[in-house]
Each structure stands twice: as C-alpha cells, then as structure tokens.
Amino acid sequence: MPTHLFLKPGCTFHPFHNGSALRDYILRTPDQRQFRISESAYAILNDLNQGRSLEQIYASREDKTVSFPEFYQFVVTQYRPFLLEGSSPESPAAPIAKRMKLLWHHTLISQTIVVRLSRYLSSAYRPLAVWVMLALIAAAHGVLYQVYAPGQGAKFHPSLVLVAVLFSVVVHEFGHSSAVFRFGGTPGSIGVGLYILLPVLYADVSQVWTFRQRQRVVVDLGGIYFQQIVFAVLAVAAVLAHDPSLRAACISIDVMTLVAINPVFRFDGYWVLVDWLGMPNLHRQATNYLRQLIRSLLRLQGRSPQHTSLNHSRFKAAIFLFYGIAGNLLLAFVIVLNLRWMQSTFTGLVRHAPVLWMQAQLAIARHQVWSTIDLLTALFFLLASGLTLMGALWLRGREMLSFRPRQ
C-alpha cells in the first residue's frame, strides 16, 4: 500500500535569493514560521504537496545508496514540523526546546499600529526621497560638528537627551518595518527585550527571508536610515536653539549608529553581512571555519578548508575570514567591557542613588522644575540599569539551572 504524507495546509515555498549559485528555498508554515531548505528538500516536499507517495518519490531519485526504510525514516524525522499530524503512522517526536536569543521580550507596539504607520512611512524609501534624505543627513552632520556653538546661559537637561534618544530608537524600528512594507511584506509588532545584558527594541521582520538579497539589505539598513533622519531634525534644532541637550542627543544617536553597524552581535551590521554573504548562521559558520583553518595550519596540511558559499567571490571569502578573526577578538573585548559595566553599575547604584535622591528632594522643595526632572531622570536611569542587570543575570541563571542533559 502506498505511503502518503501530507504537508500542513497553508505551507508555501519561496525562492531564497542569497547571491550564489546555490538554489535554496524558504518554506513558510501556516503559523508564519520560516525555514531555509535545500533544493533537494524542496523537491521532496513539493512532491509530497502534489500528492505523490513516498514510494514514487524514492523511485524517482537517482541516488539509491540509502534504502527505502532509511529514506522514510529521514523524511518523517527531518520534515515533521511541516507534515500534517496523523499523516504519519509514528507518534510525533518530543519537541526540542527553542533556544531564546532574547532572555525576555514583550510586545510594545501591536502589529496593527505598526502596519498602519509603516504604510505612510514607507514613502521615505522612494528613490528621490532617499537621495534627498541622505543629502540632508550629510549636511546636518556638517552643520552640527562644524557650525554649532553653545548659547550663553544654555542649560544641559539629561531628561531631554533621554526622551530624544528613546524617540529615535522607536523610529529606528519603524525604519525596518516600513522597508518590509515597501517591498510588499507585512511587518509584525515592535517589542522590547533583553539581549545578553542589554535592553533592546526589536521589530518583527521575519518575512524578509522571502525578499531578494538587495531588498533584505535595505531592510537591514532601514533602521539606521530612519534614525539618522531624526538626527538631521535634532541637529537643525540644536543649531538654531544653541541647545547643548539636543547636540548631546545627536552625538548619542551617532554612537548608537556605530554600535548598530557593528557585526559582532545580532544588530543591523550583522544582518547586512548575513544577507550580503548569503549565510544565515554567519557567526557560527565563521567560527567553525576559523577553527578548521587553524587546525589545518597546525597540522601543516597546506590547504585551507572548503566552504561552498565562498567559491564564487574571493572578496567575499576575504570578508568572511576577516569577520571570523576580527569578530571573535572584538567579542572578547566586548565581554571584558560588559564585566566592567556590571561592576560600575552596581558601584554607581550604591554610591550615587542616595545622593541623587537627596538632591531631587531638595529641588522639589525649592520648586526647581527642570532640576527635579533631570535629577529624577538620572536616578531612574541608574535604577533601571541596575534592575536590568540583575534581571538579566537572574534570567540567565535560571536558564542555566533549568538545563538538563539529554538521557
């Protein structure tokens, strides 16, 4: 009796454009999960979707090095997330715990609102608008760093800096979402989470995997593009008002841009490299390749390990190797900085929090509104940093303690 397996209703296939000769595909499930599959996997799953039996698919294969029972076991094991429950006589395998990239996450702006706003903001990606905005951004940098002069008696307000920077971060995420909408996708929600020990905002742009390679890179850079538009507006306001707070906010945005373009962590720069090189697991692949290369050199084998994605461009191969070396060195440096940040956060919390609270009470008694806001902002930032750090350490510890080795 022929063995028929059926895909879940609503599964769709999309070409994956990775800039190489490899023809991979994206399989999107009904619950909007997306998987990158090879051309051979696509052929098998597409045949199943068309109603062909496993016996027919096995008979049409040129490679007969595996038996039919082995082929059957491979299909029902590897492709179970895509198969309709009950189509296989075997009981479903126990789900594998999903590794969290974020220690904690929560939706901040719903998908409905994001889609509605992205529809209007996507106009910023029209070619003429892009060139105009880039020119304004460049001019704003020149004006701020060359022309700006602080006004006499102008006061610095940390609260104003914090509000402006937080606003730019939210706009940054809408930059990603609007790019998805521009290329015909539907952006998801915007949320807040903990990545390693850092509070971050994120935008759900999972549909980007079905886009062309150039479009994915635009989505990756969209956040920086929108945040720099905010920079241009704040820079003009800072120059006209001679406001040091707005200038400090602009400098903070530029620093955040440099951090975002850094490819060591999973920020915008990392995803630009991922899409340009066509390697979804870039850090892991680069680390493994570097490890194999070192072993090859130590054994005096005289030839470097091969990587299929690097056979098409020497320049990309050089960038890949440079990322593997520089990325791991920079990662070690950032870990050291994080340890120092942990120490300074706890030290600052113990030393400065009581002093700031006393100064805030004194400002309240004297009816000094701006001073009160600034002091409470500094106190809030200090307490939030401490609570974020303690929460991240607690979540990481709970995750480690809950780990159980597979029997």
Protein backbone atom coordinates (compact mmCIF):
# COMPACT_ATOMS: atom_id res chain seq x y z
CA MET A 1 0.00 0.00 0.00
CA PRO A 2 1.50 3.39 -0.99
CA THR A 3 2.64 5.65 1.85
CA HIS A 4 1.22 9.16 1.60
CA LEU A 5 2.36 12.04 3.78
CA PHE A 6 0.73 15.45 3.58
CA LEU A 7 2.06 18.93 4.27
CA LYS A 8 0.16 21.19 6.62
CA PRO A 9 -2.43 23.30 4.76
CA GLY A 10 -1.06 26.77 4.08
CA CYS A 11 2.61 25.81 3.67
CA THR A 12 4.16 27.86 0.87
CA PHE A 13 7.53 27.82 -0.91
CA HIS A 14 9.54 30.92 -1.85
CA PRO A 15 12.93 31.19 -3.62
CA PHE A 16 15.75 32.31 -1.32
CA HIS A 17 17.99 34.85 -3.04
CA ASN A 18 21.44 34.52 -1.48
CA GLY A 19 23.62 35.79 -4.31
CA SER A 20 25.24 32.42 -5.03
CA ALA A 21 24.70 29.52 -7.40
CA LEU A 22 23.03 27.53 -4.60
CA ARG A 23 19.27 27.29 -5.17
CA ASP A 24 17.71 27.28 -1.73
CA TYR A 25 14.11 27.93 -0.74
CA ILE A 26 12.14 29.36 2.16
CA LEU A 27 9.28 27.23 3.46
CA ARG A 28 6.68 29.29 5.33
CA THR A 29 4.33 27.37 7.62
CA PRO A 30 0.74 28.41 8.46
CA ASP A 31 1.90 29.86 11.79
CA GLN A 32 4.28 32.19 9.87
CA ARG A 33 7.44 30.29 10.85
CA GLN A 34 10.04 30.22 8.09
CA PHE A 35 12.66 27.59 7.31
CA ARG A 36 15.50 27.65 4.80
CA ILE A 37 15.60 24.35 2.90
CA SER A 38 17.86 22.96 0.19
CA GLU A 39 16.86 22.30 -3.41
CA SER A 40 16.68 18.54 -2.78
CA ALA A 41 14.46 19.08 0.29
CA TYR A 42 12.23 21.35 -1.79
CA ALA A 43 11.89 18.63 -4.44
CA ILE A 44 10.79 16.05 -1.87
CA LEU A 45 8.37 18.34 -0.04
CA ASN A 46 6.92 19.70 -3.27
CA ASP A 47 6.27 16.15 -4.48
CA LEU A 48 4.52 15.36 -1.20
CA ASN A 49 2.45 18.52 -1.60
CA GLN A 50 1.38 17.33 -5.06
CA GLY A 51 0.12 14.02 -3.67
CA ARG A 52 2.93 11.68 -4.71
CA SER A 53 3.63 8.74 -2.44
CA LEU A 54 6.97 8.17 -0.72
CA GLU A 55 7.49 5.09 -2.89
CA GLN A 56 7.11 7.16 -6.06
CA ILE A 57 9.48 9.86 -4.76
CA TYR A 58 12.06 7.25 -3.75
CA ALA A 59 11.85 5.51 -7.13
CA SER A 60 12.46 8.80 -8.98
CA ARG A 61 15.64 9.52 -7.03
CA GLU A 62 18.94 8.86 -8.78
CA ASP A 63 20.79 8.23 -5.53
CA LYS A 64 19.95 4.71 -4.29
CA THR A 65 22.69 4.50 -1.66
CA VAL A 66 20.04 4.54 1.08
CA SER A 67 17.26 2.00 1.43
CA PHE A 68 13.59 2.93 1.35
CA PRO A 69 13.13 2.39 5.13
CA GLU A 70 16.06 4.75 5.74
CA PHE A 71 14.59 7.27 3.31
CA TYR A 72 11.19 7.01 5.01
CA GLN A 73 12.72 7.48 8.47
CA PHE A 74 14.65 10.52 7.25
CA VAL A 75 11.53 12.20 5.82
CA VAL A 76 9.28 11.66 8.84
CA THR A 77 12.05 12.77 11.22
CA GLN A 78 13.55 15.77 9.42
CA TYR A 79 10.35 17.19 7.92
CA ARG A 80 7.95 16.56 10.80
CA PRO A 81 7.38 20.31 11.53
CA PHE A 82 5.86 20.63 8.04
CA LEU A 83 3.80 17.41 8.00
CA LEU A 84 0.12 17.21 8.84
CA GLU A 85 -0.45 15.46 12.16
CA GLY A 86 -1.79 11.97 11.69
CA SER A 87 -0.38 11.59 8.18
CA SER A 88 2.46 9.51 9.59
CA PRO A 89 1.84 6.26 11.49
CA GLU A 90 4.53 7.14 14.00
CA SER A 91 3.89 9.25 17.06
CA PRO A 92 5.30 12.74 16.89
CA ALA A 93 8.71 13.30 18.35
CA ALA A 94 9.10 15.32 21.50
CA PRO A 95 9.55 18.99 20.67
CA ILE A 96 13.02 20.39 21.02
CA ALA A 97 13.26 23.37 23.34
CA LYS A 98 13.72 26.55 21.35
CA ARG A 99 16.87 28.45 22.20
CA MET A 100 15.96 32.02 23.12
CA LYS A 101 18.00 34.74 21.52
CA LEU A 102 16.37 37.18 23.94
CA LEU A 103 16.33 36.50 27.67
CA TRP A 104 13.00 38.30 27.91
CA HIS A 105 10.72 40.04 25.43
CA HIS A 106 7.39 41.85 25.41
CA THR A 107 5.29 43.47 22.69
CA LEU A 108 5.45 47.26 22.84
CA ILE A 109 3.52 48.32 19.70
CA SER A 110 0.94 45.98 18.16
CA GLN A 111 1.17 44.75 14.59
CA THR A 112 -1.98 46.66 13.61
CA ILE A 113 -0.46 50.01 14.58
CA VAL A 114 2.91 49.13 13.04
CA VAL A 115 1.32 48.24 9.69
CA ARG A 116 -0.82 51.38 9.69
CA LEU A 117 2.13 53.70 10.34
CA SER A 118 4.51 51.79 8.06
CA ARG A 119 2.11 52.32 5.15
CA TYR A 120 2.78 56.07 5.33
CA LEU A 121 6.43 55.93 6.39
CA SER A 122 7.34 53.61 3.51
CA SER A 123 7.27 56.65 1.21
CA ALA A 124 10.71 57.51 2.60
CA TYR A 125 12.09 54.61 0.54
CA ARG A 126 11.16 56.11 -2.82
CA PRO A 127 14.39 56.76 -4.76
CA LEU A 128 14.01 60.56 -4.84
CA ALA A 129 13.15 60.69 -1.14
CA VAL A 130 16.19 58.55 -0.27
CA TRP A 131 18.60 60.83 -2.13
CA VAL A 132 17.08 63.96 -0.57
CA MET A 133 17.19 62.47 2.93
CA LEU A 134 20.79 61.29 2.56
CA ALA A 135 21.82 64.78 1.43
CA LEU A 136 20.05 66.35 4.41
CA ILE A 137 21.66 63.86 6.80
CA ALA A 138 25.14 64.62 5.44
CA ALA A 139 24.51 68.38 5.63
CA ALA A 140 23.18 68.07 9.19
CA HIS A 141 26.37 66.32 10.30
CA GLY A 142 28.50 69.07 8.80
CA VAL A 143 26.43 71.81 10.40
CA LEU A 144 26.32 70.20 13.85
CA TYR A 145 30.00 69.33 14.12
CA GLN A 146 31.39 72.42 12.35
CA VAL A 147 28.95 75.32 12.87
CA TYR A 148 27.25 74.64 16.21
CA ALA A 149 28.11 76.98 19.07
CA PRO A 150 26.55 76.67 22.55
CA GLY A 151 24.34 79.55 23.62
CA GLN A 152 25.21 81.72 26.60
CA GLY A 153 23.43 80.50 29.69
CA ALA A 154 22.05 77.43 27.92
CA LYS A 155 21.44 74.62 30.39
CA PHE A 156 22.02 70.93 29.82
CA HIS A 157 18.99 68.73 30.54
CA PRO A 158 19.64 64.94 30.70
CA SER A 159 15.89 64.30 30.61
CA LEU A 160 15.62 65.96 27.19
CA VAL A 161 18.52 63.85 25.90
CA LEU A 162 16.88 60.66 27.16
CA VAL A 163 13.49 61.46 25.60
CA ALA A 164 15.06 62.37 22.24
CA VAL A 165 17.22 59.24 22.15
CA LEU A 166 14.34 56.93 23.10
CA PHE A 167 12.20 58.51 20.39
CA SER A 168 14.96 57.90 17.83
CA VAL A 169 15.18 54.24 18.88
CA VAL A 170 11.45 53.73 18.28
CA VAL A 171 11.78 55.44 14.89
CA HIS A 172 14.73 53.12 14.17
CA GLU A 173 12.46 50.08 14.47
CA PHE A 174 9.84 51.70 12.23
CA GLY A 175 12.62 52.07 9.66
CA HIS A 176 12.88 48.28 9.45
CA SER A 177 9.10 47.77 9.44
CA SER A 178 8.50 50.42 6.77
CA ALA A 179 11.08 48.81 4.49
CA VAL A 180 9.27 45.48 4.81
CA PHE A 181 6.01 47.19 3.84
CA ARG A 182 7.74 48.97 0.94
CA PHE A 183 8.76 45.64 -0.60
CA GLY A 184 5.32 44.08 -0.30
CA GLY A 185 5.59 42.35 3.06
CA THR A 186 3.57 42.71 6.24
CA PRO A 187 5.66 43.87 9.22
CA GLY A 188 4.99 42.42 12.64
CA SER A 189 4.90 44.03 16.04
CA ILE A 190 7.61 46.08 17.74
CA GLY A 191 8.77 44.88 21.14
CA VAL A 192 11.29 45.32 23.91
CA GLY A 193 13.59 42.63 25.26
CA LEU A 194 16.86 41.71 26.94
CA TYR A 195 19.74 40.66 24.69
CA ILE A 196 22.68 39.31 26.76
CA LEU A 197 22.73 42.12 29.37
CA LEU A 198 21.36 44.93 27.20
CA PRO A 199 17.78 46.23 26.91
CA VAL A 200 16.86 46.38 23.22
CA LEU A 201 13.94 47.19 20.97
CA TYR A 202 13.21 44.87 18.06
CA ALA A 203 10.91 44.76 15.04
CA ASP A 204 9.37 41.55 13.72
CA VAL A 205 10.56 41.47 10.09
CA SER A 206 10.51 37.68 9.66
CA GLN A 207 9.02 37.98 6.16
CA VAL A 208 12.32 39.44 4.98
CA TRP A 209 13.64 35.93 4.19
CA THR A 210 11.37 35.75 1.16
CA PHE A 211 12.75 39.02 -0.26
CA ARG A 212 15.53 39.41 -2.78
CA GLN A 213 19.05 39.86 -1.45
CA ARG A 214 19.22 43.61 -2.16
CA GLN A 215 15.82 44.16 -0.54
CA ARG A 216 16.93 42.34 2.61
CA VAL A 217 19.99 44.58 2.88
CA VAL A 218 17.75 47.66 2.56
CA VAL A 219 15.57 46.34 5.40
CA ASP A 220 18.70 45.78 7.49
CA LEU A 221 19.87 49.37 6.97
CA GLY A 222 16.39 50.89 7.24
CA GLY A 223 16.61 51.40 10.99
CA ILE A 224 19.85 53.38 10.77
CA TYR A 225 18.41 55.38 7.86
CA PHE A 226 15.32 56.44 9.83
CA GLN A 227 17.30 57.15 13.00
CA GLN A 228 19.65 59.40 11.04
CA ILE A 229 16.62 61.32 9.75
CA VAL A 230 15.80 62.03 13.40
CA PHE A 231 19.44 63.10 13.81
CA ALA A 232 19.04 65.64 10.99
CA VAL A 233 15.92 67.16 12.58
CA LEU A 234 17.53 67.37 16.03
CA ALA A 235 20.77 68.78 14.59
CA VAL A 236 18.92 71.66 12.91
CA ALA A 237 17.02 72.35 16.13
CA ALA A 238 20.25 72.23 18.17
CA VAL A 239 22.00 74.74 15.88
CA LEU A 240 19.04 77.13 15.76
CA ALA A 241 18.38 76.99 19.51
CA HIS A 242 22.05 76.64 20.56
CA ASP A 243 20.84 73.80 22.79
CA PRO A 244 23.56 71.53 24.25
CA SER A 245 20.98 68.89 25.20
CA LEU A 246 19.88 68.39 21.60
CA ARG A 247 23.51 68.29 20.48
CA ALA A 248 24.21 65.59 23.06
CA ALA A 249 21.21 63.65 21.76
CA CYS A 250 22.62 63.84 18.22
CA ILE A 251 26.00 62.59 19.39
CA SER A 252 24.26 59.74 21.22
CA ILE A 253 22.42 58.79 18.02
CA ASP A 254 25.70 58.68 16.10
CA VAL A 255 27.25 56.47 18.80
CA MET A 256 24.22 54.16 18.64
CA THR A 257 24.61 54.02 14.86
CA LEU A 258 28.22 52.88 15.23
CA VAL A 259 27.09 50.21 17.70
CA ALA A 260 24.25 49.08 15.41
CA ILE A 261 26.54 48.72 12.39
CA ASN A 262 28.92 46.56 14.45
CA PRO A 263 28.58 42.98 13.10
CA VAL A 264 29.77 41.20 16.27
CA PHE A 265 26.30 40.99 17.83
CA ARG A 266 22.98 40.42 16.11
CA PHE A 267 22.41 44.07 15.34
CA ASP A 268 21.92 45.70 11.93
CA GLY A 269 25.51 45.32 10.76
CA TYR A 270 25.43 41.59 11.43
CA TRP A 271 22.31 41.11 9.30
CA VAL A 272 23.80 43.20 6.48
CA LEU A 273 26.73 40.78 6.34
CA VAL A 274 24.39 37.79 6.64
CA ASP A 275 22.34 38.87 3.63
CA TRP A 276 25.30 40.07 1.57
CA LEU A 277 27.26 36.86 2.09
CA GLY A 278 24.16 34.65 1.97
CA MET A 279 24.93 32.90 5.29
CA PRO A 280 22.07 32.87 7.84
CA ASN A 281 24.28 31.44 10.64
CA LEU A 282 27.22 33.70 9.91
CA HIS A 283 28.91 33.82 13.31
CA ARG A 284 28.75 30.07 13.84
CA GLN A 285 29.95 29.32 10.31
CA ALA A 286 32.79 31.85 10.55
CA THR A 287 33.91 30.47 13.92
CA ASN A 288 33.81 26.87 12.68
CA TYR A 289 35.69 27.80 9.51
CA LEU A 290 38.35 29.64 11.52
CA ARG A 291 38.71 26.66 13.86
CA GLN A 292 39.16 24.28 10.91
CA LEU A 293 41.67 26.66 9.31
CA ILE A 294 43.77 26.81 12.48
CA ARG A 295 43.73 23.02 12.77
CA SER A 296 44.78 22.73 9.13
CA LEU A 297 47.69 25.12 9.67
CA LEU A 298 48.81 23.35 12.83
CA ARG A 299 48.82 20.01 11.01
CA LEU A 300 50.79 21.57 8.12
CA GLN A 301 48.25 20.30 5.59
CA GLY A 302 48.98 23.17 3.20
CA ARG A 303 45.39 23.74 2.09
CA SER A 304 42.54 25.65 3.67
CA PRO A 305 39.13 24.08 4.41
CA GLN A 306 36.44 24.50 1.77
CA HIS A 307 33.18 26.38 2.15
CA THR A 308 30.56 26.15 -0.60
CA SER A 309 29.35 29.73 -0.14
CA LEU A 310 32.85 31.15 -0.70
CA ASN A 311 33.64 29.59 -4.07
CA HIS A 312 32.04 32.42 -6.05
CA SER A 313 33.90 35.53 -4.85
CA ARG A 314 37.40 35.97 -3.45
CA PHE A 315 36.39 39.32 -1.99
CA LYS A 316 33.51 37.76 -0.05
CA ALA A 317 35.82 34.96 1.07
CA ALA A 318 38.28 37.54 2.42
CA ILE A 319 35.50 39.41 4.25
CA PHE A 320 34.22 36.13 5.69
CA LEU A 321 37.67 35.20 7.00
CA PHE A 322 38.28 38.73 8.35
CA TYR A 323 34.94 38.60 10.16
CA GLY A 324 35.85 35.26 11.73
CA ILE A 325 39.12 36.67 13.11
CA ALA A 326 38.16 40.25 13.98
CA GLY A 327 34.66 39.32 15.15
CA ASN A 328 35.90 36.86 17.77
CA LEU A 329 38.61 39.24 19.00
CA LEU A 330 36.11 42.09 19.29
CA LEU A 331 33.63 39.79 21.01
CA ALA A 332 36.20 39.01 23.71
CA PHE A 333 36.86 42.75 24.11
CA VAL A 334 33.14 43.50 24.47
CA ILE A 335 32.77 40.77 27.10
CA VAL A 336 35.50 42.46 29.14
CA LEU A 337 33.69 45.81 28.75
CA ASN A 338 30.45 44.17 29.90
CA LEU A 339 32.15 42.89 33.03
CA ARG A 340 33.46 46.38 33.79
CA TRP A 341 29.99 47.81 33.09
CA MET A 342 28.48 45.36 35.59
CA GLN A 343 30.95 46.50 38.24
CA SER A 344 30.42 50.21 37.56
CA THR A 345 26.62 49.80 37.53
CA PHE A 346 26.48 48.18 40.95
CA THR A 347 29.05 50.63 42.34
CA GLY A 348 27.18 53.63 40.93
CA LEU A 349 23.88 52.32 42.26
CA VAL A 350 25.25 52.07 45.80
CA ARG A 351 27.19 55.36 45.76
CA HIS A 352 25.13 57.76 43.69
CA ALA A 353 21.48 56.72 44.14
CA PRO A 354 21.14 58.11 47.71
CA VAL A 355 22.87 61.37 46.71
CA LEU A 356 20.63 61.85 43.66
CA TRP A 357 17.52 61.19 45.75
CA MET A 358 18.54 63.80 48.34
CA GLN A 359 19.28 66.35 45.60
CA ALA A 360 15.91 65.61 43.95
CA GLN A 361 14.09 66.19 47.25
CA LEU A 362 15.92 69.50 47.69
CA ALA A 363 15.00 70.58 44.14
CA ILE A 364 11.35 69.69 44.79
CA ALA A 365 11.35 71.76 47.98
CA ARG A 366 12.77 74.73 46.04
CA HIS A 367 10.24 74.28 43.20
CA GLN A 368 13.02 73.86 40.62
CA VAL A 369 11.09 72.01 37.92
CA TRP A 370 13.85 71.32 35.37
CA SER A 371 16.37 70.36 38.04
CA THR A 372 13.83 67.98 39.58
CA ILE A 373 13.12 66.35 36.21
CA ASP A 374 16.83 66.00 35.41
CA LEU A 375 17.71 64.51 38.80
CA LEU A 376 14.78 62.08 38.74
CA THR A 377 15.75 61.09 35.19
CA ALA A 378 19.32 60.36 36.27
CA LEU A 379 18.04 58.39 39.26
CA PHE A 380 15.60 56.46 37.08
CA PHE A 381 18.34 55.64 34.57
CA LEU A 382 20.65 54.42 37.34
CA LEU A 383 17.96 52.27 38.96
CA ALA A 384 16.80 50.93 35.59
CA SER A 385 20.36 49.93 34.70
CA GLY A 386 20.75 48.09 37.99
CA LEU A 387 17.38 46.34 37.74
CA THR A 388 18.05 45.40 34.10
CA LEU A 389 21.40 43.91 35.01
CA MET A 390 20.01 41.97 37.97
CA GLY A 391 17.06 40.76 35.90
CA ALA A 392 19.32 39.62 33.08
CA LEU A 393 21.61 37.76 35.49
CA TRP A 394 18.61 36.12 37.17
CA LEU A 395 17.09 35.01 33.85
CA ARG A 396 20.44 33.72 32.59
CA GLY A 397 20.99 31.83 35.85
CA ARG A 398 17.51 30.32 35.74
CA GLU A 399 18.08 29.25 32.13
CA MET A 400 21.38 27.57 33.05
CA LEU A 401 19.92 25.83 36.11
CA SER A 402 16.91 24.56 34.15
CA PHE A 403 19.16 22.84 31.59
CA ARG A 404 19.05 19.07 31.70
CA PRO A 405 21.38 16.86 29.65
CA ARG A 406 19.60 14.56 27.21
CA GLN A 407 19.45 10.99 28.51
